[in-house]
C-alpha cells in the first residue's frame, strides 16, 4: 500500500482578489504549508481572499482547522473570505463539522 500523498498550493493575485488554489490531499503533514502560504493574504484587507477547493480531494480535521482560523482572522479584520468550488465530499465534511454556516461560498470562479 504505497499511496502517494500529493498536495499543491497555487497563489494568484488580481487587482481585486488574492486567490489560493488547493489541489490534492490536505492533512496534518501539509497543514503548516497551507497556513504559511495563506498567511501572506490574510492581512491584505484591500483584496477579497478566495480559497478554491475544486481540486482538493481530501481534507482532515487539521486542514479544516486551518480554514477555520483563516475565517476567524479575516472576520476580526472585517475582510471577506470566499470559498469556491467545494467538492461534494468536502462539503459534507464541512456540514458535519459545523463549518458550513461560516463559509461564504460561490459555485464557480465568478470572482
N, C-alpha and C. Protein backbone atom coordinates (compact mmCIF):
# COMPACT_ATOMS: atom_id res chain seq x y z
N UNK A 1 0.84 -1.19 0.00
CA UNK A 1 0.00 0.00 0.00
C UNK A 1 0.88 1.24 0.00
N UNK A 2 1.43 1.55 -1.13
CA UNK A 2 2.31 2.69 -1.26
C UNK A 2 1.57 3.83 -1.95
N UNK A 3 0.69 4.44 -1.21
CA UNK A 3 -0.13 5.51 -1.77
C UNK A 3 0.59 6.84 -1.64
N UNK A 4 0.73 7.54 -2.72
CA UNK A 4 1.44 8.81 -2.73
C UNK A 4 0.47 9.94 -2.38
N UNK A 5 0.83 10.67 -1.35
CA UNK A 5 0.01 11.82 -0.94
C UNK A 5 0.59 13.08 -1.59
N UNK A 6 -0.20 13.74 -2.38
CA UNK A 6 0.27 14.96 -3.02
C UNK A 6 -0.60 16.13 -2.56
N UNK A 7 0.03 17.26 -2.48
CA UNK A 7 -0.68 18.48 -2.12
C UNK A 7 0.04 19.63 -2.80
N UNK A 8 -0.73 20.48 -3.46
CA UNK A 8 -0.17 21.64 -4.15
C UNK A 8 -0.98 22.87 -3.80
N UNK A 9 -0.27 23.98 -3.72
CA UNK A 9 -0.89 25.28 -3.48
C UNK A 9 -0.46 26.21 -4.60
N UNK A 10 -1.42 26.85 -5.21
CA UNK A 10 -1.11 27.87 -6.21
C UNK A 10 -1.73 29.17 -5.72
N UNK A 11 -0.96 30.23 -5.77
CA UNK A 11 -1.47 31.54 -5.35
C UNK A 11 -1.48 32.48 -6.54
N UNK A 12 -2.52 33.30 -6.59
CA UNK A 12 -2.66 34.26 -7.69
C UNK A 12 -3.20 35.56 -7.12
N UNK A 13 -2.62 36.66 -7.54
CA UNK A 13 -3.07 37.98 -7.10
C UNK A 13 -3.67 38.70 -8.30
N UNK A 14 -4.89 39.21 -8.13
CA UNK A 14 -5.53 40.03 -9.15
C UNK A 14 -5.76 41.41 -8.53
N UNK A 15 -6.20 42.37 -9.30
CA UNK A 15 -6.43 43.70 -8.70
C UNK A 15 -7.43 43.69 -7.54
N UNK A 16 -8.40 42.76 -7.57
CA UNK A 16 -9.43 42.75 -6.53
C UNK A 16 -9.36 41.57 -5.58
N UNK A 17 -8.57 40.54 -5.89
CA UNK A 17 -8.58 39.34 -5.06
C UNK A 17 -7.21 38.70 -4.92
N UNK A 18 -7.10 37.98 -3.82
CA UNK A 18 -5.99 37.07 -3.59
C UNK A 18 -6.58 35.67 -3.61
N UNK A 19 -6.14 34.87 -4.57
CA UNK A 19 -6.70 33.53 -4.74
C UNK A 19 -5.70 32.47 -4.30
N UNK A 20 -6.22 31.47 -3.60
CA UNK A 20 -5.43 30.32 -3.17
C UNK A 20 -6.13 29.07 -3.71
N UNK A 21 -5.44 28.35 -4.59
CA UNK A 21 -5.97 27.13 -5.18
C UNK A 21 -5.33 25.94 -4.47
N UNK A 22 -6.16 25.05 -3.93
CA UNK A 22 -5.66 23.87 -3.24
C UNK A 22 -5.93 22.63 -4.09
N UNK A 23 -4.91 21.76 -4.19
CA UNK A 23 -5.04 20.57 -5.01
C UNK A 23 -4.45 19.38 -4.27
N UNK A 24 -5.16 18.27 -4.28
CA UNK A 24 -4.64 17.05 -3.69
C UNK A 24 -5.22 16.77 -2.32
N UNK A 25 -4.34 16.37 -1.39
CA UNK A 25 -4.77 15.96 -0.06
C UNK A 25 -4.17 16.87 1.00
N UNK A 26 -5.05 17.55 1.72
CA UNK A 26 -4.63 18.45 2.79
C UNK A 26 -4.83 17.74 4.12
N UNK A 27 -3.71 17.35 4.72
CA UNK A 27 -3.77 16.66 6.01
C UNK A 27 -2.75 17.27 6.97
N UNK A 28 -2.58 16.62 8.09
CA UNK A 28 -1.68 17.12 9.13
C UNK A 28 -0.30 17.45 8.59
N UNK A 29 0.20 16.64 7.69
CA UNK A 29 1.56 16.84 7.17
C UNK A 29 1.69 18.07 6.27
N UNK A 30 0.58 18.58 5.76
CA UNK A 30 0.61 19.72 4.85
C UNK A 30 -0.08 20.97 5.40
N UNK A 31 -0.69 20.87 6.57
CA UNK A 31 -1.45 21.99 7.13
C UNK A 31 -0.58 23.22 7.37
N UNK A 32 0.62 23.03 7.88
CA UNK A 32 1.51 24.18 8.14
C UNK A 32 1.92 24.87 6.84
N UNK A 33 2.14 24.08 5.80
CA UNK A 33 2.47 24.64 4.49
C UNK A 33 1.31 25.50 3.97
N UNK A 34 0.10 24.98 4.09
CA UNK A 34 -1.09 25.72 3.67
C UNK A 34 -1.23 27.01 4.47
N UNK A 35 -1.09 26.90 5.79
CA UNK A 35 -1.23 28.09 6.64
C UNK A 35 -0.19 29.15 6.27
N UNK A 36 1.05 28.75 6.08
CA UNK A 36 2.11 29.69 5.72
C UNK A 36 1.81 30.38 4.39
N UNK A 37 1.32 29.61 3.42
CA UNK A 37 1.01 30.18 2.11
C UNK A 37 -0.15 31.16 2.20
N UNK A 38 -1.15 30.84 2.99
CA UNK A 38 -2.35 31.68 3.10
C UNK A 38 -2.12 32.91 3.97
N UNK A 39 -1.23 32.80 4.96
CA UNK A 39 -0.99 33.91 5.89
C UNK A 39 -0.60 35.21 5.18
N UNK A 40 0.12 35.10 4.08
CA UNK A 40 0.53 36.32 3.38
C UNK A 40 -0.67 37.09 2.82
N UNK A 41 -1.81 36.43 2.67
CA UNK A 41 -3.00 37.09 2.14
C UNK A 41 -3.97 37.55 3.22
N UNK A 42 -3.87 37.02 4.41
CA UNK A 42 -4.86 37.31 5.46
C UNK A 42 -4.94 38.80 5.77
N UNK A 43 -3.82 39.45 5.94
CA UNK A 43 -3.81 40.86 6.35
C UNK A 43 -4.07 41.82 5.19
N UNK A 44 -4.13 41.34 3.97
CA UNK A 44 -4.38 42.20 2.81
C UNK A 44 -5.89 42.44 2.70
N UNK A 45 -6.36 43.39 3.48
CA UNK A 45 -7.80 43.64 3.55
C UNK A 45 -8.31 44.46 2.36
N UNK A 46 -7.41 44.92 1.50
CA UNK A 46 -7.84 45.65 0.30
C UNK A 46 -8.34 44.72 -0.79
N UNK A 47 -8.06 43.43 -0.64
CA UNK A 47 -8.49 42.45 -1.64
C UNK A 47 -9.32 41.36 -0.98
N UNK A 48 -10.24 40.82 -1.75
CA UNK A 48 -11.03 39.68 -1.33
C UNK A 48 -10.11 38.46 -1.30
N UNK A 49 -10.22 37.65 -0.26
CA UNK A 49 -9.45 36.42 -0.20
C UNK A 49 -10.35 35.29 -0.66
N UNK A 50 -9.85 34.47 -1.60
CA UNK A 50 -10.63 33.38 -2.18
C UNK A 50 -9.86 32.07 -2.05
N UNK A 51 -10.51 31.07 -1.48
CA UNK A 51 -9.97 29.71 -1.45
C UNK A 51 -10.71 28.89 -2.49
N UNK A 52 -10.00 28.33 -3.44
CA UNK A 52 -10.63 27.47 -4.45
C UNK A 52 -10.28 26.03 -4.12
N UNK A 53 -11.30 25.22 -3.90
CA UNK A 53 -11.12 23.83 -3.49
C UNK A 53 -11.47 22.83 -4.58
N UNK A 54 -11.63 23.30 -5.80
CA UNK A 54 -12.09 22.44 -6.89
C UNK A 54 -11.30 21.13 -7.01
N UNK A 55 -10.00 21.18 -6.81
CA UNK A 55 -9.16 20.01 -6.99
C UNK A 55 -8.66 19.44 -5.66
N UNK A 56 -9.34 19.80 -4.58
CA UNK A 56 -8.99 19.23 -3.28
C UNK A 56 -9.72 17.91 -3.13
N UNK A 57 -8.97 16.83 -3.00
CA UNK A 57 -9.57 15.51 -2.93
C UNK A 57 -9.83 15.03 -1.52
N UNK A 58 -9.08 15.58 -0.56
CA UNK A 58 -9.20 15.12 0.82
C UNK A 58 -8.77 16.24 1.75
N UNK A 59 -9.43 16.32 2.90
CA UNK A 59 -9.04 17.25 3.95
C UNK A 59 -9.32 16.58 5.29
N UNK A 60 -8.38 16.71 6.22
CA UNK A 60 -8.61 16.16 7.55
C UNK A 60 -8.95 17.28 8.52
N UNK A 61 -9.09 16.95 9.79
CA UNK A 61 -9.51 17.94 10.78
C UNK A 61 -8.48 19.06 10.94
N UNK A 62 -7.21 18.76 10.72
CA UNK A 62 -6.19 19.80 10.82
C UNK A 62 -6.37 20.83 9.70
N UNK A 63 -6.63 20.36 8.50
CA UNK A 63 -6.88 21.27 7.37
C UNK A 63 -8.13 22.10 7.59
N UNK A 64 -9.17 21.46 8.12
CA UNK A 64 -10.40 22.20 8.44
C UNK A 64 -10.10 23.26 9.49
N UNK A 65 -9.26 22.92 10.45
CA UNK A 65 -8.87 23.88 11.48
C UNK A 65 -8.15 25.08 10.90
N UNK A 66 -7.31 24.86 9.91
CA UNK A 66 -6.60 25.97 9.27
C UNK A 66 -7.61 26.88 8.56
N UNK A 67 -8.55 26.29 7.84
CA UNK A 67 -9.58 27.11 7.17
C UNK A 67 -10.37 27.90 8.20
N UNK A 68 -10.74 27.26 9.30
CA UNK A 68 -11.48 27.96 10.36
C UNK A 68 -10.65 29.12 10.92
N UNK A 69 -9.37 28.92 11.13
CA UNK A 69 -8.54 30.01 11.66
C UNK A 69 -8.41 31.15 10.66
N UNK A 70 -8.38 30.84 9.36
CA UNK A 70 -8.36 31.89 8.34
C UNK A 70 -9.67 32.67 8.35
N UNK A 71 -10.78 31.96 8.47
CA UNK A 71 -12.09 32.62 8.55
C UNK A 71 -12.15 33.56 9.74
N UNK A 72 -11.68 33.10 10.89
CA UNK A 72 -11.69 33.93 12.10
C UNK A 72 -10.80 35.15 11.96
N UNK A 73 -9.60 34.95 11.42
CA UNK A 73 -8.67 36.07 11.25
C UNK A 73 -9.24 37.13 10.32
N UNK A 74 -9.83 36.71 9.23
CA UNK A 74 -10.42 37.68 8.29
C UNK A 74 -11.65 38.35 8.90
N UNK A 75 -12.41 37.62 9.70
CA UNK A 75 -13.58 38.19 10.36
C UNK A 75 -13.16 39.31 11.31
N UNK A 76 -12.12 39.09 12.08
CA UNK A 76 -11.61 40.10 13.01
C UNK A 76 -11.20 41.36 12.23
N UNK A 77 -10.63 41.17 11.06
CA UNK A 77 -10.19 42.30 10.23
C UNK A 77 -11.34 42.91 9.41
N UNK A 78 -12.54 42.33 9.57
CA UNK A 78 -13.71 42.76 8.79
C UNK A 78 -13.44 42.69 7.29
N UNK A 79 -12.79 41.61 6.89
CA UNK A 79 -12.44 41.40 5.49
C UNK A 79 -13.04 40.06 5.03
N UNK A 80 -13.66 40.05 3.88
CA UNK A 80 -14.32 38.82 3.42
C UNK A 80 -13.33 37.75 2.97
N UNK A 81 -13.77 36.52 3.09
CA UNK A 81 -13.08 35.37 2.53
C UNK A 81 -14.16 34.49 1.89
N UNK A 82 -13.90 34.09 0.67
CA UNK A 82 -14.84 33.28 -0.10
C UNK A 82 -14.22 31.91 -0.32
N UNK A 83 -15.03 30.88 -0.24
CA UNK A 83 -14.59 29.53 -0.58
C UNK A 83 -15.40 29.11 -1.79
N UNK A 84 -14.70 28.73 -2.86
CA UNK A 84 -15.40 28.40 -4.10
C UNK A 84 -15.07 27.00 -4.57
N UNK A 85 -16.00 26.47 -5.35
CA UNK A 85 -15.83 25.15 -5.98
C UNK A 85 -15.54 24.05 -4.96
N UNK A 86 -16.39 23.96 -3.94
CA UNK A 86 -16.20 22.94 -2.90
C UNK A 86 -16.72 21.60 -3.43
N UNK A 87 -15.85 20.59 -3.52
CA UNK A 87 -16.32 19.27 -3.96
C UNK A 87 -17.36 18.71 -2.99
N UNK A 88 -18.31 17.91 -3.48
CA UNK A 88 -19.39 17.40 -2.62
C UNK A 88 -18.91 16.67 -1.36
N UNK A 89 -17.87 15.85 -1.47
CA UNK A 89 -17.44 15.12 -0.26
C UNK A 89 -16.77 16.05 0.75
N UNK A 90 -16.13 17.11 0.29
CA UNK A 90 -15.55 18.11 1.20
C UNK A 90 -16.68 18.92 1.83
N UNK A 91 -17.69 19.24 1.04
CA UNK A 91 -18.86 19.98 1.55
C UNK A 91 -19.54 19.20 2.66
N UNK A 92 -19.67 17.88 2.49
CA UNK A 92 -20.27 17.05 3.54
C UNK A 92 -19.46 17.12 4.83
N UNK A 93 -18.15 17.11 4.72
CA UNK A 93 -17.30 17.24 5.91
C UNK A 93 -17.52 18.60 6.58
N UNK A 94 -17.60 19.65 5.77
CA UNK A 94 -17.85 20.98 6.33
C UNK A 94 -19.21 21.01 7.05
N UNK A 95 -20.20 20.35 6.44
CA UNK A 95 -21.53 20.27 7.06
C UNK A 95 -21.46 19.53 8.40
N UNK A 96 -20.79 18.38 8.41
CA UNK A 96 -20.72 17.55 9.62
C UNK A 96 -19.94 18.23 10.75
N UNK A 97 -18.96 19.04 10.39
CA UNK A 97 -18.15 19.70 11.42
C UNK A 97 -18.72 21.05 11.85
N UNK A 98 -19.78 21.49 11.20
CA UNK A 98 -20.40 22.76 11.57
C UNK A 98 -19.73 23.97 10.96
N UNK A 99 -18.85 23.77 9.99
CA UNK A 99 -18.13 24.88 9.36
C UNK A 99 -18.97 25.61 8.31
N UNK A 100 -19.89 24.91 7.68
CA UNK A 100 -20.65 25.46 6.56
C UNK A 100 -21.32 26.81 6.84
N UNK A 101 -21.96 27.03 8.00
CA UNK A 101 -22.62 28.33 8.21
C UNK A 101 -21.66 29.54 8.20
N UNK A 102 -20.38 29.28 8.37
CA UNK A 102 -19.41 30.37 8.45
C UNK A 102 -18.72 30.65 7.12
N UNK A 103 -19.04 29.85 6.11
CA UNK A 103 -18.39 29.96 4.81
C UNK A 103 -19.27 30.74 3.84
N UNK A 104 -18.65 31.74 3.20
CA UNK A 104 -19.29 32.39 2.07
C UNK A 104 -18.84 31.60 0.85
N UNK A 105 -19.79 31.00 0.17
CA UNK A 105 -19.45 30.09 -0.92
C UNK A 105 -19.93 30.61 -2.25
N UNK A 106 -19.11 30.41 -3.28
CA UNK A 106 -19.55 30.62 -4.64
C UNK A 106 -19.41 29.29 -5.37
N UNK A 107 -20.19 29.09 -6.39
CA UNK A 107 -20.22 27.81 -7.09
C UNK A 107 -19.10 27.67 -8.11
N UNK A 108 -18.66 28.78 -8.67
CA UNK A 108 -17.59 28.69 -9.66
C UNK A 108 -16.71 29.92 -9.55
N UNK A 109 -15.74 30.01 -10.41
CA UNK A 109 -14.79 31.11 -10.35
C UNK A 109 -15.40 32.39 -10.93
N UNK A 110 -16.34 32.95 -10.19
CA UNK A 110 -17.05 34.14 -10.66
C UNK A 110 -16.42 35.42 -10.12
N UNK A 111 -15.32 35.31 -9.41
CA UNK A 111 -14.68 36.47 -8.80
C UNK A 111 -13.73 37.10 -9.81
